N, C-alpha and C. Protein backbone atom coordinates (compact mmCIF):
# COMPACT_ATOMS: atom_id res chain seq x y z
N MET A 1 105.64 114.51 48.54
CA MET A 1 105.01 113.75 49.59
C MET A 1 104.12 114.69 50.41
N SER A 2 102.88 114.33 50.61
CA SER A 2 101.96 115.19 51.35
C SER A 2 101.98 114.81 52.83
N PRO A 3 101.70 115.81 53.68
CA PRO A 3 101.69 115.52 55.13
C PRO A 3 100.50 114.65 55.50
N GLU A 4 100.67 113.93 56.58
CA GLU A 4 99.61 113.08 57.10
C GLU A 4 98.46 113.97 57.59
N LEU A 5 97.24 113.65 57.21
CA LEU A 5 96.10 114.47 57.60
C LEU A 5 95.75 114.32 59.07
N ALA A 6 95.87 113.14 59.60
CA ALA A 6 95.52 112.89 61.00
C ALA A 6 96.66 112.13 61.66
N VAL A 7 97.54 112.87 62.31
CA VAL A 7 98.67 112.25 63.00
C VAL A 7 98.13 111.60 64.27
N PRO A 8 98.40 110.32 64.48
CA PRO A 8 97.84 109.65 65.66
C PRO A 8 98.43 110.18 66.97
N PHE A 9 97.59 110.13 67.99
CA PHE A 9 98.03 110.52 69.33
C PHE A 9 99.11 109.55 69.79
N PRO A 10 100.16 110.04 70.44
CA PRO A 10 101.23 109.13 70.89
C PRO A 10 100.68 108.11 71.90
N PRO A 11 100.83 106.85 71.61
CA PRO A 11 100.31 105.85 72.56
C PRO A 11 101.14 105.85 73.84
N PRO A 12 100.48 105.63 74.97
CA PRO A 12 101.25 105.57 76.21
C PRO A 12 102.20 104.38 76.19
N PRO A 13 103.39 104.54 76.70
CA PRO A 13 104.34 103.43 76.74
C PRO A 13 103.86 102.34 77.69
N ARG A 14 104.54 101.23 77.63
CA ARG A 14 104.12 100.00 78.32
C ARG A 14 103.75 100.22 79.79
N TRP A 15 104.64 100.82 80.59
CA TRP A 15 104.38 100.93 82.02
C TRP A 15 103.29 101.96 82.34
N VAL A 16 103.18 102.97 81.52
CA VAL A 16 102.10 103.95 81.71
C VAL A 16 100.77 103.28 81.38
N ARG A 17 100.70 102.57 80.27
CA ARG A 17 99.48 101.85 79.88
C ARG A 17 99.14 100.81 80.95
N HIS A 18 100.15 100.14 81.46
CA HIS A 18 99.96 99.14 82.51
C HIS A 18 99.35 99.78 83.76
N ALA A 19 99.87 100.94 84.15
CA ALA A 19 99.35 101.65 85.33
C ALA A 19 97.90 102.06 85.10
N LEU A 20 97.58 102.58 83.92
CA LEU A 20 96.20 102.98 83.62
C LEU A 20 95.26 101.78 83.64
N GLU A 21 95.74 100.65 83.14
CA GLU A 21 94.92 99.44 83.13
C GLU A 21 94.69 98.92 84.56
N HIS A 22 95.72 98.95 85.39
CA HIS A 22 95.56 98.55 86.79
C HIS A 22 94.52 99.41 87.50
N LEU A 23 94.56 100.70 87.25
CA LEU A 23 93.60 101.62 87.87
C LEU A 23 92.19 101.33 87.39
N ARG A 24 92.02 101.04 86.10
CA ARG A 24 90.70 100.70 85.57
C ARG A 24 90.17 99.42 86.21
N GLN A 25 91.04 98.42 86.33
CA GLN A 25 90.64 97.16 86.96
C GLN A 25 90.28 97.36 88.43
N ALA A 26 91.06 98.18 89.13
CA ALA A 26 90.78 98.45 90.54
C ALA A 26 89.44 99.16 90.70
N GLU A 27 89.18 100.10 89.80
CA GLU A 27 87.89 100.82 89.85
C GLU A 27 86.74 99.86 89.55
N ASP A 28 86.91 99.01 88.55
CA ASP A 28 85.86 98.03 88.21
C ASP A 28 85.61 97.06 89.35
N ALA A 29 86.66 96.76 90.12
CA ALA A 29 86.54 95.84 91.25
C ALA A 29 85.99 96.53 92.48
N GLY A 30 85.82 97.85 92.42
CA GLY A 30 85.28 98.59 93.57
C GLY A 30 86.30 98.81 94.68
N LEU A 31 87.57 98.90 94.32
CA LEU A 31 88.62 99.15 95.32
C LEU A 31 88.38 100.50 95.98
N GLU A 32 88.55 100.57 97.26
CA GLU A 32 88.37 101.81 98.02
C GLU A 32 89.38 102.86 97.56
N PRO A 33 88.99 104.14 97.59
CA PRO A 33 89.93 105.19 97.16
C PRO A 33 91.26 105.16 97.89
N THR A 34 91.28 104.75 99.15
CA THR A 34 92.56 104.70 99.87
C THR A 34 93.48 103.66 99.24
N GLY A 35 92.93 102.59 98.71
CA GLY A 35 93.74 101.58 98.04
C GLY A 35 94.27 102.06 96.72
N LEU A 36 93.54 102.93 96.05
CA LEU A 36 93.99 103.46 94.77
C LEU A 36 95.25 104.29 94.92
N GLN A 37 95.46 104.88 96.10
CA GLN A 37 96.65 105.70 96.32
C GLN A 37 97.92 104.87 96.29
N LEU A 38 97.80 103.57 96.42
CA LEU A 38 98.97 102.70 96.36
C LEU A 38 99.40 102.43 94.91
N LEU A 39 98.53 102.74 93.96
CA LEU A 39 98.82 102.49 92.56
C LEU A 39 99.39 103.74 91.89
N ASP A 40 100.20 103.52 90.85
CA ASP A 40 100.71 104.63 90.05
C ASP A 40 99.54 105.29 89.34
N ARG A 41 99.49 106.61 89.40
CA ARG A 41 98.45 107.38 88.70
C ARG A 41 99.17 108.34 87.74
N PRO A 42 99.31 107.95 86.47
CA PRO A 42 100.10 108.75 85.54
C PRO A 42 99.61 110.19 85.36
N TRP A 43 98.38 110.50 85.69
CA TRP A 43 97.90 111.89 85.61
C TRP A 43 98.42 112.72 86.78
N ASP A 44 99.04 112.07 87.75
CA ASP A 44 99.65 112.73 88.90
C ASP A 44 101.09 112.22 89.01
N PRO A 45 102.02 112.80 88.24
CA PRO A 45 103.38 112.25 88.18
C PRO A 45 104.04 112.02 89.54
N ALA A 46 103.73 112.86 90.52
CA ALA A 46 104.35 112.68 91.84
C ALA A 46 103.94 111.37 92.49
N SER A 47 102.83 110.77 92.05
CA SER A 47 102.36 109.52 92.62
C SER A 47 103.01 108.30 91.97
N CYS A 48 103.78 108.51 90.93
CA CYS A 48 104.29 107.39 90.14
C CYS A 48 105.65 106.90 90.62
N SER A 49 105.83 105.60 90.49
CA SER A 49 107.11 104.99 90.82
C SER A 49 108.15 105.39 89.77
N ARG A 50 109.38 105.12 90.09
CA ARG A 50 110.50 105.51 89.22
C ARG A 50 110.37 104.88 87.83
N HIS A 51 110.03 103.60 87.76
CA HIS A 51 109.98 102.96 86.44
C HIS A 51 108.83 103.49 85.59
N VAL A 52 107.74 103.93 86.21
CA VAL A 52 106.66 104.56 85.44
C VAL A 52 107.10 105.95 84.99
N ARG A 53 107.74 106.71 85.86
CA ARG A 53 108.21 108.05 85.50
C ARG A 53 109.22 108.01 84.35
N GLN A 54 110.06 106.97 84.33
CA GLN A 54 111.05 106.86 83.26
C GLN A 54 110.39 106.82 81.89
N GLN A 55 109.18 106.26 81.82
CA GLN A 55 108.46 106.22 80.55
C GLN A 55 107.48 107.38 80.42
N LEU A 56 107.03 107.91 81.56
CA LEU A 56 106.05 108.99 81.54
C LEU A 56 106.62 110.26 80.93
N TRP A 57 107.84 110.66 81.33
CA TRP A 57 108.42 111.93 80.84
C TRP A 57 108.58 111.96 79.33
N PRO A 58 109.21 110.94 78.72
CA PRO A 58 109.33 110.98 77.24
C PRO A 58 107.95 110.95 76.55
N TRP A 59 107.00 110.21 77.13
CA TRP A 59 105.66 110.17 76.53
C TRP A 59 105.01 111.56 76.59
N LEU A 60 105.10 112.22 77.75
CA LEU A 60 104.52 113.57 77.86
C LEU A 60 105.20 114.54 76.89
N ASP A 61 106.49 114.35 76.66
CA ASP A 61 107.19 115.19 75.69
C ASP A 61 106.64 114.94 74.28
N ASP A 62 106.37 113.67 73.96
CA ASP A 62 105.75 113.34 72.68
C ASP A 62 104.35 113.94 72.57
N VAL A 63 103.60 113.89 73.68
CA VAL A 63 102.25 114.48 73.70
C VAL A 63 102.34 115.98 73.47
N ALA A 64 103.28 116.64 74.12
CA ALA A 64 103.46 118.09 73.94
C ALA A 64 103.77 118.41 72.47
N ALA A 65 104.64 117.64 71.86
CA ALA A 65 104.97 117.85 70.45
C ALA A 65 103.75 117.60 69.57
N TRP A 66 102.99 116.55 69.88
CA TRP A 66 101.77 116.25 69.12
C TRP A 66 100.76 117.39 69.24
N LEU A 67 100.58 117.91 70.46
CA LEU A 67 99.66 119.03 70.65
C LEU A 67 100.11 120.25 69.85
N ASN A 68 101.39 120.54 69.88
CA ASN A 68 101.91 121.69 69.14
C ASN A 68 101.70 121.53 67.64
N HIS A 69 101.94 120.33 67.12
CA HIS A 69 101.81 120.11 65.68
C HIS A 69 100.35 119.99 65.24
N THR A 70 99.49 119.53 66.14
CA THR A 70 98.11 119.26 65.77
C THR A 70 97.15 120.40 66.10
N TYR A 71 97.38 121.09 67.22
CA TYR A 71 96.40 122.06 67.71
C TYR A 71 96.92 123.49 67.88
N ALA A 72 98.20 123.70 67.85
CA ALA A 72 98.74 125.04 68.16
C ALA A 72 98.90 125.86 66.89
N TRP A 73 97.80 126.33 66.35
CA TRP A 73 97.85 127.20 65.18
C TRP A 73 98.42 128.56 65.55
N GLN A 74 97.99 129.08 66.71
CA GLN A 74 98.49 130.35 67.21
C GLN A 74 99.63 130.09 68.19
N THR A 75 100.60 130.98 68.23
CA THR A 75 101.75 130.79 69.13
C THR A 75 101.33 130.75 70.59
N THR A 76 100.24 131.41 70.95
CA THR A 76 99.80 131.41 72.35
C THR A 76 99.23 130.05 72.77
N SER A 77 98.99 129.17 71.80
CA SER A 77 98.49 127.83 72.12
C SER A 77 99.59 126.78 72.14
N ALA A 78 100.80 127.19 71.82
CA ALA A 78 101.91 126.24 71.74
C ALA A 78 102.58 126.06 73.10
N LEU A 79 102.87 124.83 73.42
CA LEU A 79 103.64 124.56 74.63
C LEU A 79 105.09 124.93 74.36
N PRO A 80 105.73 125.64 75.30
CA PRO A 80 107.13 125.99 75.07
C PRO A 80 108.01 124.75 75.20
N ALA A 81 109.15 124.79 74.54
CA ALA A 81 110.10 123.67 74.61
C ALA A 81 110.55 123.40 76.04
N CYS A 82 110.49 124.42 76.87
CA CYS A 82 110.93 124.29 78.27
C CYS A 82 109.76 123.89 79.19
N TRP A 83 108.72 123.25 78.65
CA TRP A 83 107.55 122.93 79.47
C TRP A 83 107.90 122.19 80.76
N PRO A 84 108.91 121.28 80.79
CA PRO A 84 109.20 120.61 82.06
C PRO A 84 109.69 121.55 83.16
N ALA A 85 110.14 122.75 82.80
CA ALA A 85 110.59 123.73 83.80
C ALA A 85 109.42 124.53 84.38
N HIS A 86 108.20 124.23 83.94
CA HIS A 86 106.99 124.90 84.43
C HIS A 86 106.13 123.86 85.14
N PRO A 87 106.19 123.79 86.47
CA PRO A 87 105.46 122.75 87.20
C PRO A 87 103.97 122.68 86.87
N HIS A 88 103.33 123.82 86.63
CA HIS A 88 101.90 123.78 86.30
C HIS A 88 101.67 123.06 84.98
N LEU A 89 102.57 123.21 84.03
CA LEU A 89 102.42 122.50 82.76
C LEU A 89 102.67 121.02 82.93
N VAL A 90 103.62 120.66 83.77
CA VAL A 90 103.89 119.24 84.02
C VAL A 90 102.63 118.56 84.54
N HIS A 91 102.00 119.17 85.54
CA HIS A 91 100.81 118.57 86.14
C HIS A 91 99.64 118.55 85.16
N GLU A 92 99.42 119.66 84.49
CA GLU A 92 98.26 119.75 83.59
C GLU A 92 98.42 118.91 82.33
N LEU A 93 99.63 118.83 81.80
CA LEU A 93 99.87 118.03 80.61
C LEU A 93 99.64 116.55 80.90
N ALA A 94 100.05 116.10 82.08
CA ALA A 94 99.83 114.69 82.45
C ALA A 94 98.33 114.38 82.51
N VAL A 95 97.55 115.27 83.09
CA VAL A 95 96.10 115.07 83.15
C VAL A 95 95.51 115.06 81.75
N LEU A 96 95.89 116.04 80.94
CA LEU A 96 95.35 116.15 79.59
C LEU A 96 95.67 114.90 78.76
N ALA A 97 96.90 114.39 78.89
CA ALA A 97 97.31 113.20 78.14
C ALA A 97 96.50 111.98 78.58
N CYS A 98 96.32 111.81 79.88
CA CYS A 98 95.57 110.65 80.37
C CYS A 98 94.09 110.75 80.01
N LEU A 99 93.54 111.97 80.03
CA LEU A 99 92.16 112.15 79.58
C LEU A 99 92.01 111.79 78.11
N ARG A 100 93.02 112.12 77.32
CA ARG A 100 92.98 111.82 75.88
C ARG A 100 93.03 110.32 75.64
N VAL A 101 93.83 109.61 76.43
CA VAL A 101 93.89 108.15 76.32
C VAL A 101 92.54 107.55 76.68
N ALA A 102 91.95 108.01 77.78
CA ALA A 102 90.65 107.49 78.20
C ALA A 102 89.58 107.79 77.15
N ALA A 103 89.64 108.98 76.55
CA ALA A 103 88.66 109.34 75.53
C ALA A 103 88.81 108.45 74.29
N ALA A 104 90.04 108.17 73.92
CA ALA A 104 90.28 107.33 72.75
C ALA A 104 89.87 105.88 73.01
N ASP A 105 89.91 105.45 74.27
CA ASP A 105 89.53 104.09 74.62
C ASP A 105 88.02 103.90 74.75
N ALA A 106 87.27 105.00 74.73
CA ALA A 106 85.82 104.93 74.89
C ALA A 106 85.19 104.21 73.70
N THR A 107 84.00 103.68 73.92
CA THR A 107 83.32 102.94 72.85
C THR A 107 82.51 103.84 71.92
N GLY A 108 82.40 105.11 72.26
CA GLY A 108 81.68 106.06 71.42
C GLY A 108 82.45 107.36 71.33
N PRO A 109 81.98 108.30 70.51
CA PRO A 109 82.71 109.54 70.29
C PRO A 109 82.52 110.61 71.36
N GLN A 110 81.59 110.42 72.29
CA GLN A 110 81.26 111.47 73.25
C GLN A 110 82.45 111.89 74.10
N ALA A 111 83.22 110.95 74.58
CA ALA A 111 84.36 111.28 75.45
C ALA A 111 85.41 112.11 74.69
N LEU A 112 85.64 111.76 73.44
CA LEU A 112 86.62 112.52 72.65
C LEU A 112 86.08 113.91 72.32
N GLU A 113 84.78 114.01 72.08
CA GLU A 113 84.18 115.31 71.84
C GLU A 113 84.31 116.18 73.09
N GLU A 114 84.11 115.60 74.26
CA GLU A 114 84.27 116.35 75.51
C GLU A 114 85.72 116.77 75.73
N TRP A 115 86.65 115.92 75.34
CA TRP A 115 88.07 116.27 75.45
C TRP A 115 88.35 117.51 74.59
N HIS A 116 87.81 117.50 73.35
CA HIS A 116 88.00 118.65 72.47
C HIS A 116 87.26 119.89 72.97
N ARG A 117 86.09 119.71 73.52
CA ARG A 117 85.27 120.85 73.94
C ARG A 117 85.72 121.45 75.27
N TYR A 118 86.12 120.60 76.22
CA TYR A 118 86.40 121.08 77.58
C TYR A 118 87.87 120.96 77.99
N ALA A 119 88.42 119.76 77.89
CA ALA A 119 89.78 119.53 78.42
C ALA A 119 90.84 120.33 77.67
N LEU A 120 90.87 120.20 76.35
CA LEU A 120 91.91 120.89 75.58
C LEU A 120 91.79 122.41 75.66
N PRO A 121 90.61 123.01 75.43
CA PRO A 121 90.52 124.48 75.56
C PRO A 121 90.80 124.96 76.98
N GLY A 122 90.37 124.19 77.98
CA GLY A 122 90.66 124.57 79.36
C GLY A 122 92.16 124.57 79.64
N PHE A 123 92.82 123.53 79.16
CA PHE A 123 94.28 123.45 79.31
C PHE A 123 94.95 124.64 78.63
N THR A 124 94.57 124.91 77.40
CA THR A 124 95.19 126.00 76.64
C THR A 124 94.94 127.35 77.32
N ALA A 125 93.72 127.57 77.78
CA ALA A 125 93.40 128.85 78.44
C ALA A 125 94.21 129.02 79.72
N ARG A 126 94.31 127.95 80.53
CA ARG A 126 95.08 128.05 81.77
C ARG A 126 96.57 128.25 81.48
N MET A 127 97.07 127.59 80.44
CA MET A 127 98.48 127.75 80.08
C MET A 127 98.74 129.20 79.68
N ARG A 128 97.88 129.78 78.85
CA ARG A 128 98.05 131.19 78.44
C ARG A 128 97.98 132.11 79.64
N GLU A 129 97.03 131.83 80.54
CA GLU A 129 96.86 132.68 81.73
C GLU A 129 98.09 132.62 82.63
N ARG A 130 98.63 131.44 82.81
CA ARG A 130 99.74 131.27 83.75
C ARG A 130 101.08 131.67 83.15
N LEU A 131 101.26 131.44 81.86
CA LEU A 131 102.54 131.80 81.24
C LEU A 131 102.59 133.25 80.80
N GLY A 132 101.44 133.87 80.61
CA GLY A 132 101.46 135.23 80.08
C GLY A 132 102.04 135.22 78.69
N VAL A 133 103.02 136.07 78.44
CA VAL A 133 103.65 136.09 77.13
C VAL A 133 104.49 134.84 76.91
N GLY A 134 104.79 134.13 77.99
CA GLY A 134 105.48 132.86 77.88
C GLY A 134 106.96 132.95 77.63
N CYS A 135 107.50 131.82 77.32
CA CYS A 135 108.92 131.70 77.05
C CYS A 135 109.13 131.71 75.54
N PRO A 136 109.86 132.68 75.02
CA PRO A 136 110.10 132.69 73.57
C PRO A 136 110.98 131.51 73.17
N PRO A 137 110.89 131.09 71.92
CA PRO A 137 111.70 129.95 71.48
C PRO A 137 113.17 130.13 71.85
N GLY A 138 113.72 129.09 72.48
CA GLY A 138 115.14 129.10 72.83
C GLY A 138 115.50 129.90 74.06
N ARG A 139 114.50 130.46 74.77
CA ARG A 139 114.84 131.27 75.94
C ARG A 139 113.79 131.08 77.03
N HIS A 140 114.14 130.30 78.02
CA HIS A 140 113.26 130.08 79.16
C HIS A 140 113.32 131.30 80.07
N LEU A 141 112.15 131.79 80.45
CA LEU A 141 112.08 132.90 81.39
C LEU A 141 111.90 132.35 82.79
N ASP A 142 112.64 132.91 83.74
CA ASP A 142 112.55 132.44 85.11
C ASP A 142 111.18 132.77 85.69
N TRP A 143 110.84 132.12 86.75
CA TRP A 143 109.57 132.22 87.43
C TRP A 143 109.37 133.64 87.95
N PRO A 144 108.42 134.39 87.41
CA PRO A 144 108.23 135.78 87.84
C PRO A 144 107.80 135.90 89.30
N ALA A 145 107.12 134.93 89.84
CA ALA A 145 106.62 135.02 91.22
C ALA A 145 107.60 134.43 92.23
N ARG A 146 108.83 134.18 91.82
CA ARG A 146 109.81 133.56 92.72
C ARG A 146 109.99 134.36 94.02
N SER A 147 110.08 135.68 93.93
CA SER A 147 110.29 136.49 95.14
C SER A 147 109.10 136.37 96.09
N TRP A 148 107.91 136.25 95.54
CA TRP A 148 106.72 136.07 96.39
C TRP A 148 106.76 134.71 97.09
N ALA A 149 107.21 133.68 96.37
CA ALA A 149 107.30 132.34 96.96
C ALA A 149 108.37 132.31 98.05
N VAL A 150 109.49 132.99 97.82
CA VAL A 150 110.55 133.05 98.84
C VAL A 150 110.03 133.71 100.10
N GLU A 151 109.30 134.81 99.93
CA GLU A 151 108.70 135.49 101.09
C GLU A 151 107.70 134.58 101.80
N PHE A 152 106.87 133.90 101.04
CA PHE A 152 105.86 133.00 101.62
C PHE A 152 106.53 131.91 102.46
N ASP A 153 107.64 131.37 101.98
CA ASP A 153 108.34 130.28 102.66
C ASP A 153 109.27 130.75 103.77
N SER A 154 109.42 132.05 103.94
CA SER A 154 110.35 132.55 104.95
C SER A 154 109.88 132.16 106.36
N PRO A 155 110.82 131.98 107.29
CA PRO A 155 110.43 131.64 108.66
C PRO A 155 109.51 132.69 109.29
N GLN A 156 109.73 133.95 108.99
CA GLN A 156 108.90 135.01 109.58
C GLN A 156 107.45 134.89 109.10
N ALA A 157 107.25 134.72 107.79
CA ALA A 157 105.90 134.62 107.25
C ALA A 157 105.22 133.33 107.72
N THR A 158 105.98 132.25 107.79
CA THR A 158 105.42 130.99 108.27
C THR A 158 104.97 131.12 109.72
N GLU A 159 105.80 131.73 110.55
CA GLU A 159 105.45 131.93 111.95
C GLU A 159 104.24 132.85 112.10
N ALA A 160 104.17 133.90 111.31
CA ALA A 160 103.03 134.83 111.37
C ALA A 160 101.73 134.09 111.03
N ARG A 161 101.77 133.22 110.02
CA ARG A 161 100.56 132.45 109.68
C ARG A 161 100.19 131.50 110.80
N ARG A 162 101.18 130.81 111.37
CA ARG A 162 100.89 129.89 112.48
C ARG A 162 100.29 130.62 113.66
N THR A 163 100.78 131.81 113.95
CA THR A 163 100.23 132.61 115.05
C THR A 163 98.76 132.93 114.78
N LEU A 164 98.45 133.31 113.56
CA LEU A 164 97.05 133.58 113.20
C LEU A 164 96.20 132.32 113.33
N PHE A 165 96.72 131.19 112.87
CA PHE A 165 95.97 129.93 112.96
C PHE A 165 95.71 129.57 114.43
N ASP A 166 96.79 129.65 115.24
CA ASP A 166 96.65 129.33 116.66
C ASP A 166 95.67 130.27 117.35
N GLY A 167 95.70 131.55 116.98
CA GLY A 167 94.77 132.52 117.56
C GLY A 167 93.34 132.18 117.19
N ASP A 168 93.12 131.76 115.98
CA ASP A 168 91.77 131.39 115.55
C ASP A 168 91.29 130.16 116.30
N ILE A 169 92.14 129.17 116.41
CA ILE A 169 91.76 127.94 117.10
C ILE A 169 91.50 128.23 118.57
N GLY A 170 92.36 129.04 119.19
CA GLY A 170 92.17 129.40 120.60
C GLY A 170 90.89 130.18 120.81
N SER A 171 90.60 131.15 119.94
CA SER A 171 89.38 131.94 120.12
C SER A 171 88.15 131.11 119.83
N THR A 172 88.25 130.14 118.95
CA THR A 172 87.11 129.26 118.65
C THR A 172 86.81 128.39 119.86
N ARG A 173 87.87 127.86 120.48
CA ARG A 173 87.68 127.03 121.68
C ARG A 173 87.07 127.85 122.81
N LEU A 174 87.59 129.07 123.00
CA LEU A 174 87.09 129.94 124.06
C LEU A 174 85.62 130.28 123.81
N ALA A 175 85.28 130.62 122.58
CA ALA A 175 83.89 130.97 122.24
C ALA A 175 82.98 129.77 122.47
N ALA A 176 83.44 128.59 122.13
CA ALA A 176 82.61 127.39 122.32
C ALA A 176 82.40 127.11 123.80
N ALA A 177 83.44 127.33 124.60
CA ALA A 177 83.32 127.08 126.04
C ALA A 177 82.39 128.09 126.70
N GLN A 178 82.40 129.31 126.19
CA GLN A 178 81.59 130.36 126.79
C GLN A 178 80.15 130.36 126.28
N ALA A 179 79.91 129.68 125.19
CA ALA A 179 78.56 129.69 124.61
C ALA A 179 77.60 128.94 125.52
N SER A 180 76.44 129.49 125.66
CA SER A 180 75.43 128.80 126.45
C SER A 180 74.70 127.82 125.55
N PRO A 181 74.14 126.77 126.13
CA PRO A 181 73.42 125.80 125.31
C PRO A 181 72.22 126.48 124.63
N PRO A 182 71.82 125.99 123.47
CA PRO A 182 70.68 126.57 122.77
C PRO A 182 69.43 126.53 123.63
N ARG A 183 68.51 127.46 123.39
CA ARG A 183 67.25 127.50 124.13
C ARG A 183 66.51 126.18 123.96
N GLY A 184 65.92 125.75 125.05
CA GLY A 184 65.17 124.51 125.01
C GLY A 184 66.05 123.27 125.16
N PHE A 185 67.37 123.47 125.20
CA PHE A 185 68.27 122.32 125.32
C PHE A 185 68.29 121.84 126.77
N ARG A 186 68.08 120.60 126.94
CA ARG A 186 68.16 120.02 128.28
C ARG A 186 69.33 119.03 128.26
N GLY A 187 70.30 119.33 129.06
CA GLY A 187 71.47 118.48 129.12
C GLY A 187 71.11 117.11 129.66
N ALA A 188 72.08 116.23 129.62
CA ALA A 188 71.85 114.88 130.13
C ALA A 188 71.53 114.93 131.61
N THR A 189 70.60 114.13 131.98
CA THR A 189 70.23 114.07 133.40
C THR A 189 70.86 112.87 134.05
N SER A 190 71.24 113.05 135.30
CA SER A 190 71.86 111.92 135.99
C SER A 190 70.85 111.26 136.87
């Protein structure tokens, strides 16, 4: 038995497809961007309701497997099995998957060509850059920048940043109050 030459992209499950269709209809209707925030946006998992997420995660896992089997000739292009433990991959994979669905739904080949030319290589390059040598099969490596994030979130570092922000705002207000009006400016007359 020979392998399939062109394995189809995993179709989005019902609620994910439903969310994408609602967004398309809202856009076609000219809904304001603030109204769009009320809808599930599968390319931004944090924006999705629980029932959409329940279908989104297994679908993204299928997409990751499809990408690995279809495009990851080199190990540096393969998504690690622990991809859900890497927040940057979670966010980027969701965008890549939704872009692929939109490209496949297009009436011509241009969108899919752009997905191949820009979206997929960009995703792969960012994944390689962020993972470095990555997680070897069967062994997830902990977040190397964890100590930096702990320091960033510490009360001392947070307070130091707030002090700098407050100082900037205070000095900006003081400078504005001390500034003289531009030459030729005539204030309101009473």
